[in-house]
Amino acid sequence: MAKTPQEARPQVAALPIRWKDGKLRVLLITSRTTRRWIIPKGWPMTDLSFPEAAAIEAQEEAGVVGQVLTTPLGHYHYRKVLSETESCLCKVTVYPLIVDRLEECWKEQDERTRRWVSAKEAVAHVQEPELAAILRALGKQCRSRADLEALGAPS
């Protein structure tokens, strides 16, 4: 029997954001195995809050450093392949991360590609419908950091 979203395993994600020439840009990265476009994400970490763990994932997977906001933008679900015969449903909580700098060298740089895109472009690149909805809302409603802080959804 398939797991329902209520039984999904929790994960955390950071959505790296910056404004360039007054326009919102988000950073997408490729997954290590399928090379599809995703955002940095991973499992919660002992002794760290969800936003703190999301910021660490962003640094390791995308080489971004910045300020992670504590109010999530929302959640999305996806099926994580654990092995050739096993997978699990994950519920990913997405936290915005305002990027201060991009590192030239980072932990997973040889395993991933990163690309800055508009929110509209990001919607077209990601495969998870709920993540696309988060990106679509972000693109429509977020013109500044103040707008971003007002967007947060309850966890």
N, C-alpha and C. Protein backbone atom coordinates (compact mmCIF):
# COMPACT_ATOMS: atom_id res chain seq x y z
N MET A 1 0.85 -1.18 0.00
CA MET A 1 0.00 0.00 0.00
C MET A 1 0.90 1.24 0.00
N ALA A 2 0.55 2.22 -0.80
CA ALA A 2 1.33 3.46 -0.89
C ALA A 2 1.12 4.30 0.36
N LYS A 3 2.15 4.98 0.76
CA LYS A 3 2.04 5.88 1.91
C LYS A 3 1.26 7.12 1.52
N THR A 4 0.52 7.64 2.47
CA THR A 4 -0.20 8.89 2.25
C THR A 4 0.71 10.04 2.65
N PRO A 5 0.40 11.28 2.21
CA PRO A 5 1.24 12.42 2.62
C PRO A 5 1.41 12.54 4.13
N GLN A 6 0.41 12.11 4.91
CA GLN A 6 0.52 12.20 6.37
C GLN A 6 1.61 11.27 6.90
N GLU A 7 1.98 10.22 6.16
CA GLU A 7 3.00 9.27 6.60
C GLU A 7 4.36 9.57 5.97
N ALA A 8 4.46 10.65 5.26
CA ALA A 8 5.69 10.99 4.55
C ALA A 8 6.81 11.32 5.53
N ARG A 9 8.03 10.99 5.14
CA ARG A 9 9.20 11.32 5.95
C ARG A 9 9.56 12.79 5.73
N PRO A 10 9.91 13.50 6.81
CA PRO A 10 10.23 14.93 6.66
C PRO A 10 11.60 15.16 6.05
N GLN A 11 11.68 16.15 5.18
CA GLN A 11 12.94 16.68 4.68
C GLN A 11 12.86 18.20 4.74
N VAL A 12 14.01 18.84 4.60
CA VAL A 12 14.09 20.30 4.61
C VAL A 12 14.78 20.76 3.33
N ALA A 13 14.39 21.92 2.84
CA ALA A 13 15.00 22.48 1.63
C ALA A 13 15.20 23.96 1.80
N ALA A 14 16.23 24.45 1.12
CA ALA A 14 16.46 25.89 1.04
C ALA A 14 16.20 26.32 -0.39
N LEU A 15 15.48 27.40 -0.56
CA LEU A 15 15.28 27.99 -1.88
C LEU A 15 16.16 29.23 -1.96
N PRO A 16 17.34 29.10 -2.59
CA PRO A 16 18.25 30.24 -2.68
C PRO A 16 17.66 31.34 -3.57
N ILE A 17 17.68 32.58 -3.05
CA ILE A 17 17.03 33.72 -3.70
C ILE A 17 17.98 34.91 -3.71
N ARG A 18 17.92 35.69 -4.77
CA ARG A 18 18.60 36.98 -4.82
C ARG A 18 17.81 37.87 -5.78
N TRP A 19 18.11 39.15 -5.71
CA TRP A 19 17.53 40.11 -6.65
C TRP A 19 18.66 40.65 -7.49
N LYS A 20 18.50 40.60 -8.81
CA LYS A 20 19.51 41.14 -9.72
C LYS A 20 18.81 42.14 -10.63
N ASP A 21 19.31 43.38 -10.65
CA ASP A 21 18.68 44.45 -11.42
C ASP A 21 17.20 44.58 -11.06
N GLY A 22 16.89 44.41 -9.77
CA GLY A 22 15.53 44.55 -9.28
C GLY A 22 14.62 43.37 -9.58
N LYS A 23 15.16 42.29 -10.13
CA LYS A 23 14.33 41.12 -10.49
C LYS A 23 14.72 39.91 -9.64
N LEU A 24 13.70 39.21 -9.17
CA LEU A 24 13.89 38.02 -8.36
C LEU A 24 14.53 36.91 -9.20
N ARG A 25 15.54 36.26 -8.64
CA ARG A 25 16.19 35.11 -9.26
C ARG A 25 16.26 34.00 -8.21
N VAL A 26 16.09 32.77 -8.62
CA VAL A 26 16.22 31.62 -7.74
C VAL A 26 17.30 30.70 -8.30
N LEU A 27 17.94 29.97 -7.40
CA LEU A 27 19.01 29.07 -7.82
C LEU A 27 18.50 27.64 -7.83
N LEU A 28 18.60 27.01 -8.99
CA LEU A 28 18.29 25.59 -9.10
C LEU A 28 19.60 24.83 -9.24
N ILE A 29 19.57 23.58 -8.79
CA ILE A 29 20.71 22.69 -8.95
C ILE A 29 20.21 21.39 -9.57
N THR A 30 21.13 20.61 -10.10
CA THR A 30 20.73 19.30 -10.63
C THR A 30 20.87 18.25 -9.53
N SER A 31 20.01 17.25 -9.62
CA SER A 31 20.15 16.12 -8.70
C SER A 31 21.38 15.32 -9.12
N ARG A 32 21.92 14.55 -8.21
CA ARG A 32 23.15 13.82 -8.51
C ARG A 32 22.94 12.66 -9.47
N THR A 33 21.81 11.98 -9.37
CA THR A 33 21.64 10.78 -10.20
C THR A 33 20.85 11.03 -11.48
N THR A 34 19.68 11.65 -11.37
CA THR A 34 18.83 11.82 -12.56
C THR A 34 19.12 13.10 -13.32
N ARG A 35 19.86 14.03 -12.71
CA ARG A 35 20.21 15.31 -13.31
C ARG A 35 19.00 16.21 -13.55
N ARG A 36 17.88 15.94 -12.86
CA ARG A 36 16.73 16.83 -12.99
C ARG A 36 16.97 18.06 -12.13
N TRP A 37 16.25 19.16 -12.42
CA TRP A 37 16.42 20.41 -11.69
C TRP A 37 15.63 20.35 -10.39
N ILE A 38 16.32 20.70 -9.30
CA ILE A 38 15.74 20.65 -7.96
C ILE A 38 16.26 21.86 -7.16
N ILE A 39 15.87 21.92 -5.89
CA ILE A 39 16.46 22.87 -4.95
C ILE A 39 17.21 22.06 -3.90
N PRO A 40 18.19 22.68 -3.22
CA PRO A 40 18.94 21.94 -2.21
C PRO A 40 18.02 21.44 -1.09
N LYS A 41 18.16 20.15 -0.78
CA LYS A 41 17.30 19.56 0.26
C LYS A 41 17.99 18.38 0.90
N GLY A 42 17.47 17.97 2.05
CA GLY A 42 18.03 16.81 2.75
C GLY A 42 17.23 16.50 3.99
N TRP A 43 17.77 15.57 4.75
CA TRP A 43 17.11 15.13 5.99
C TRP A 43 17.34 16.14 7.10
N PRO A 44 16.40 16.24 8.05
CA PRO A 44 16.63 17.07 9.24
C PRO A 44 17.89 16.59 9.96
N MET A 45 18.52 17.48 10.70
CA MET A 45 19.77 17.17 11.41
C MET A 45 19.57 17.32 12.91
N THR A 46 20.13 16.36 13.65
CA THR A 46 20.04 16.38 15.10
C THR A 46 20.62 17.68 15.64
N ASP A 47 19.92 18.26 16.59
CA ASP A 47 20.34 19.48 17.29
C ASP A 47 20.31 20.74 16.43
N LEU A 48 19.74 20.68 15.24
CA LEU A 48 19.58 21.87 14.40
C LEU A 48 18.11 22.06 14.07
N SER A 49 17.70 23.32 13.97
CA SER A 49 16.34 23.61 13.53
C SER A 49 16.20 23.24 12.06
N PHE A 50 14.99 23.12 11.57
CA PHE A 50 14.77 22.84 10.15
C PHE A 50 15.43 23.92 9.27
N PRO A 51 15.25 25.22 9.57
CA PRO A 51 15.90 26.23 8.73
C PRO A 51 17.42 26.12 8.75
N GLU A 52 18.01 25.84 9.91
CA GLU A 52 19.47 25.69 9.98
C GLU A 52 19.95 24.51 9.13
N ALA A 53 19.23 23.40 9.20
CA ALA A 53 19.60 22.22 8.40
C ALA A 53 19.46 22.54 6.91
N ALA A 54 18.42 23.28 6.55
CA ALA A 54 18.23 23.67 5.14
C ALA A 54 19.39 24.52 4.65
N ALA A 55 19.87 25.43 5.50
CA ALA A 55 21.00 26.29 5.11
C ALA A 55 22.27 25.47 4.89
N ILE A 56 22.48 24.45 5.72
CA ILE A 56 23.65 23.59 5.55
C ILE A 56 23.55 22.81 4.25
N GLU A 57 22.37 22.29 3.94
CA GLU A 57 22.17 21.58 2.67
C GLU A 57 22.48 22.51 1.49
N ALA A 58 22.05 23.76 1.58
CA ALA A 58 22.29 24.72 0.48
C ALA A 58 23.78 24.97 0.29
N GLN A 59 24.51 25.04 1.39
CA GLN A 59 25.95 25.26 1.27
C GLN A 59 26.65 24.03 0.68
N GLU A 60 26.28 22.85 1.16
CA GLU A 60 26.92 21.63 0.67
C GLU A 60 26.56 21.31 -0.78
N GLU A 61 25.29 21.47 -1.14
CA GLU A 61 24.82 21.06 -2.46
C GLU A 61 24.97 22.13 -3.53
N ALA A 62 24.87 23.41 -3.12
CA ALA A 62 24.87 24.50 -4.11
C ALA A 62 25.96 25.54 -3.89
N GLY A 63 26.68 25.47 -2.78
CA GLY A 63 27.72 26.44 -2.52
C GLY A 63 27.21 27.84 -2.28
N VAL A 64 26.04 27.94 -1.64
CA VAL A 64 25.48 29.25 -1.34
C VAL A 64 25.52 29.51 0.17
N VAL A 65 25.78 30.76 0.51
CA VAL A 65 25.81 31.19 1.90
C VAL A 65 24.92 32.42 2.00
N GLY A 66 24.10 32.45 3.02
CA GLY A 66 23.22 33.59 3.19
C GLY A 66 22.37 33.45 4.43
N GLN A 67 21.29 34.21 4.44
CA GLN A 67 20.39 34.20 5.59
C GLN A 67 19.15 33.38 5.26
N VAL A 68 18.95 32.32 6.02
CA VAL A 68 17.75 31.51 5.84
C VAL A 68 16.66 32.10 6.74
N LEU A 69 15.48 32.26 6.17
CA LEU A 69 14.35 32.76 6.95
C LEU A 69 13.66 31.60 7.65
N THR A 70 13.08 31.85 8.80
CA THR A 70 12.55 30.76 9.62
C THR A 70 11.11 30.37 9.28
N THR A 71 10.42 31.19 8.51
CA THR A 71 9.06 30.85 8.10
C THR A 71 9.11 30.17 6.74
N PRO A 72 8.57 28.95 6.65
CA PRO A 72 8.63 28.24 5.36
C PRO A 72 7.71 28.87 4.32
N LEU A 73 8.10 28.70 3.07
CA LEU A 73 7.27 29.14 1.94
C LEU A 73 6.15 28.14 1.67
N GLY A 74 6.34 26.92 2.12
CA GLY A 74 5.36 25.87 1.91
C GLY A 74 6.02 24.51 1.95
N HIS A 75 5.30 23.52 1.42
CA HIS A 75 5.77 22.14 1.42
C HIS A 75 5.51 21.51 0.06
N TYR A 76 6.29 20.51 -0.26
CA TYR A 76 5.98 19.68 -1.43
C TYR A 76 6.35 18.25 -1.13
N HIS A 77 5.76 17.35 -1.89
CA HIS A 77 6.00 15.91 -1.72
C HIS A 77 6.72 15.36 -2.95
N TYR A 78 7.54 14.36 -2.72
CA TYR A 78 8.16 13.63 -3.82
C TYR A 78 8.53 12.25 -3.32
N ARG A 79 8.77 11.35 -4.24
CA ARG A 79 9.19 10.00 -3.88
C ARG A 79 10.70 9.90 -4.05
N LYS A 80 11.39 9.60 -2.94
CA LYS A 80 12.84 9.47 -2.93
C LYS A 80 13.21 8.00 -3.13
N VAL A 81 14.05 7.76 -4.11
CA VAL A 81 14.55 6.41 -4.35
C VAL A 81 15.70 6.16 -3.39
N LEU A 82 15.56 5.11 -2.58
CA LEU A 82 16.57 4.77 -1.59
C LEU A 82 17.50 3.67 -2.10
N SER A 83 16.96 2.78 -2.93
CA SER A 83 17.74 1.70 -3.52
C SER A 83 16.98 1.23 -4.76
N GLU A 84 17.48 0.19 -5.41
CA GLU A 84 16.80 -0.32 -6.60
C GLU A 84 15.41 -0.85 -6.28
N THR A 85 15.18 -1.25 -5.04
CA THR A 85 13.90 -1.86 -4.68
C THR A 85 13.11 -1.07 -3.64
N GLU A 86 13.66 0.02 -3.15
CA GLU A 86 13.01 0.74 -2.06
C GLU A 86 12.95 2.25 -2.32
N SER A 87 11.81 2.84 -1.96
CA SER A 87 11.64 4.28 -2.03
C SER A 87 10.76 4.71 -0.87
N CYS A 88 10.72 6.01 -0.63
CA CYS A 88 9.84 6.52 0.42
C CYS A 88 9.27 7.86 -0.03
N LEU A 89 8.10 8.15 0.46
CA LEU A 89 7.48 9.45 0.20
C LEU A 89 8.05 10.45 1.19
N CYS A 90 8.45 11.62 0.70
CA CYS A 90 9.01 12.67 1.55
C CYS A 90 8.14 13.92 1.46
N LYS A 91 8.01 14.58 2.59
CA LYS A 91 7.36 15.90 2.66
C LYS A 91 8.47 16.91 2.94
N VAL A 92 8.72 17.79 1.98
CA VAL A 92 9.83 18.72 2.05
C VAL A 92 9.31 20.10 2.46
N THR A 93 9.84 20.64 3.55
CA THR A 93 9.53 21.99 3.99
C THR A 93 10.54 22.93 3.37
N VAL A 94 10.06 23.96 2.66
CA VAL A 94 10.92 24.86 1.89
C VAL A 94 11.09 26.19 2.62
N TYR A 95 12.36 26.53 2.89
CA TYR A 95 12.70 27.79 3.54
C TYR A 95 13.45 28.69 2.56
N PRO A 96 13.06 29.95 2.48
CA PRO A 96 13.81 30.87 1.62
C PRO A 96 15.18 31.18 2.22
N LEU A 97 16.18 31.26 1.36
CA LEU A 97 17.53 31.61 1.78
C LEU A 97 17.99 32.77 0.92
N ILE A 98 18.19 33.92 1.54
CA ILE A 98 18.65 35.10 0.81
C ILE A 98 20.16 34.99 0.68
N VAL A 99 20.63 34.84 -0.54
CA VAL A 99 22.03 34.54 -0.80
C VAL A 99 22.89 35.79 -0.65
N ASP A 100 23.94 35.66 0.16
CA ASP A 100 24.94 36.72 0.32
C ASP A 100 26.11 36.48 -0.63
N ARG A 101 26.47 35.20 -0.79
CA ARG A 101 27.60 34.90 -1.67
C ARG A 101 27.53 33.47 -2.20
N LEU A 102 28.17 33.29 -3.35
CA LEU A 102 28.34 31.97 -3.95
C LEU A 102 29.79 31.55 -3.74
N GLU A 103 29.98 30.36 -3.22
CA GLU A 103 31.33 29.85 -3.05
C GLU A 103 31.85 29.32 -4.38
N GLU A 104 33.12 29.52 -4.64
CA GLU A 104 33.72 29.00 -5.87
C GLU A 104 33.97 27.50 -5.76
N CYS A 105 34.23 27.03 -4.55
CA CYS A 105 34.44 25.61 -4.30
C CYS A 105 33.50 25.18 -3.19
N TRP A 106 32.79 24.07 -3.38
CA TRP A 106 31.89 23.57 -2.35
C TRP A 106 31.85 22.04 -2.44
N LYS A 107 31.28 21.43 -1.43
CA LYS A 107 31.34 19.98 -1.22
C LYS A 107 30.89 19.17 -2.44
N GLU A 108 29.76 19.50 -3.04
CA GLU A 108 29.20 18.68 -4.12
C GLU A 108 29.35 19.31 -5.50
N GLN A 109 30.32 20.17 -5.68
CA GLN A 109 30.47 20.89 -6.95
C GLN A 109 30.73 19.97 -8.13
N ASP A 110 31.36 18.82 -7.92
CA ASP A 110 31.64 17.91 -9.02
C ASP A 110 30.45 17.02 -9.36
N GLU A 111 29.40 17.08 -8.52
CA GLU A 111 28.24 16.21 -8.71
C GLU A 111 27.00 16.95 -9.21
N ARG A 112 27.05 18.28 -9.20
CA ARG A 112 25.86 19.06 -9.52
C ARG A 112 26.21 20.25 -10.41
N THR A 113 25.18 20.74 -11.09
CA THR A 113 25.26 21.98 -11.85
C THR A 113 24.30 22.96 -11.17
N ARG A 114 24.66 24.22 -11.10
CA ARG A 114 23.74 25.22 -10.53
C ARG A 114 23.46 26.28 -11.58
N ARG A 115 22.25 26.85 -11.50
CA ARG A 115 21.84 27.86 -12.48
C ARG A 115 20.84 28.83 -11.86
N TRP A 116 21.13 30.14 -11.99
CA TRP A 116 20.19 31.18 -11.58
C TRP A 116 19.15 31.36 -12.68
N VAL A 117 17.88 31.37 -12.29
CA VAL A 117 16.78 31.54 -13.23
C VAL A 117 15.70 32.39 -12.59
N SER A 118 14.79 32.89 -13.42
CA SER A 118 13.61 33.58 -12.88
C SER A 118 12.69 32.54 -12.25
N ALA A 119 11.78 32.98 -11.41
CA ALA A 119 10.82 32.05 -10.81
C ALA A 119 9.99 31.37 -11.90
N LYS A 120 9.64 32.11 -12.94
CA LYS A 120 8.86 31.54 -14.05
C LYS A 120 9.64 30.43 -14.75
N GLU A 121 10.94 30.66 -14.99
CA GLU A 121 11.77 29.62 -15.60
C GLU A 121 11.89 28.41 -14.68
N ALA A 122 12.02 28.66 -13.38
CA ALA A 122 12.14 27.57 -12.42
C ALA A 122 10.90 26.68 -12.45
N VAL A 123 9.71 27.30 -12.56
CA VAL A 123 8.46 26.53 -12.64
C VAL A 123 8.52 25.56 -13.82
N ALA A 124 9.06 26.01 -14.93
CA ALA A 124 9.14 25.17 -16.12
C ALA A 124 10.17 24.05 -15.99
N HIS A 125 11.16 24.23 -15.12
CA HIS A 125 12.24 23.25 -14.99
C HIS A 125 11.98 22.15 -13.96
N VAL A 126 11.28 22.46 -12.88
CA VAL A 126 11.10 21.46 -11.81
C VAL A 126 9.97 20.50 -12.18
N GLN A 127 10.07 19.28 -11.65
CA GLN A 127 9.08 18.25 -11.97
C GLN A 127 8.00 18.08 -10.91
N GLU A 128 8.23 18.57 -9.71
CA GLU A 128 7.27 18.39 -8.63
C GLU A 128 6.21 19.49 -8.69
N PRO A 129 4.93 19.14 -8.90
CA PRO A 129 3.88 20.15 -9.05
C PRO A 129 3.74 21.09 -7.85
N GLU A 130 3.89 20.57 -6.64
CA GLU A 130 3.75 21.41 -5.45
C GLU A 130 4.92 22.39 -5.34
N LEU A 131 6.12 21.98 -5.73
CA LEU A 131 7.26 22.89 -5.75
C LEU A 131 7.04 23.96 -6.82
N ALA A 132 6.52 23.56 -7.97
CA ALA A 132 6.22 24.53 -9.02
C ALA A 132 5.22 25.57 -8.52
N ALA A 133 4.24 25.14 -7.73
CA ALA A 133 3.24 26.07 -7.19
C ALA A 133 3.90 27.07 -6.23
N ILE A 134 4.84 26.61 -5.41
CA ILE A 134 5.57 27.50 -4.51
C ILE A 134 6.34 28.54 -5.32
N LEU A 135 7.03 28.08 -6.36
CA LEU A 135 7.81 28.98 -7.21
C LEU A 135 6.91 29.97 -7.96
N ARG A 136 5.76 29.50 -8.42
CA ARG A 136 4.82 30.37 -9.14
C ARG A 136 4.32 31.48 -8.22
N ALA A 137 3.95 31.11 -7.00
CA ALA A 137 3.47 32.11 -6.04
C ALA A 137 4.59 33.09 -5.70
N LEU A 138 5.78 32.58 -5.53
CA LEU A 138 6.92 33.44 -5.22
C LEU A 138 7.13 34.47 -6.33
N GLY A 139 7.10 34.02 -7.57
CA GLY A 139 7.31 34.91 -8.70
C GLY A 139 6.25 35.98 -8.83
N LYS A 140 5.02 35.65 -8.46
CA LYS A 140 3.92 36.62 -8.58
C LYS A 140 3.89 37.62 -7.43
N GLN A 141 4.31 37.19 -6.24
CA GLN A 141 4.09 37.98 -5.04
C GLN A 141 5.35 38.61 -4.45
N CYS A 142 6.52 38.22 -4.90
CA CYS A 142 7.75 38.62 -4.22
C CYS A 142 8.57 39.60 -5.06
N ARG A 143 8.49 40.86 -4.73
CA ARG A 143 9.26 41.90 -5.44
C ARG A 143 10.42 42.42 -4.59
N SER A 144 10.41 42.08 -3.29
CA SER A 144 11.44 42.58 -2.38
C SER A 144 11.57 41.62 -1.20
N ARG A 145 12.55 41.87 -0.38
CA ARG A 145 12.73 41.05 0.82
C ARG A 145 11.51 41.16 1.74
N ALA A 146 10.94 42.36 1.85
CA ALA A 146 9.74 42.52 2.69
C ALA A 146 8.60 41.66 2.17
N ASP A 147 8.44 41.60 0.86
CA ASP A 147 7.42 40.73 0.27
C ASP A 147 7.72 39.27 0.61
N LEU A 148 8.98 38.90 0.53
CA LEU A 148 9.39 37.53 0.83
C LEU A 148 9.05 37.17 2.26
N GLU A 149 9.35 38.03 3.19
CA GLU A 149 9.07 37.75 4.60
C GLU A 149 7.57 37.67 4.86
N ALA A 150 6.76 38.37 4.09
CA ALA A 150 5.30 38.34 4.26
C ALA A 150 4.68 37.09 3.64
N LEU A 151 5.40 36.40 2.76
CA LEU A 151 4.87 35.23 2.06
C LEU A 151 4.77 33.98 2.92
N GLY A 152 5.55 33.86 3.96
CA GLY A 152 5.69 32.63 4.72
C GLY A 152 4.37 31.98 5.05
N ALA A 153 4.34 30.67 4.87
CA ALA A 153 3.15 29.88 5.20
C ALA A 153 3.38 29.22 6.56
N PRO A 154 2.30 29.01 7.32
CA PRO A 154 2.48 28.31 8.60
C PRO A 154 2.99 26.90 8.35
N SER A 155 3.82 26.40 9.26
CA SER A 155 4.36 25.04 9.07
C SER A 155 3.38 24.00 9.54
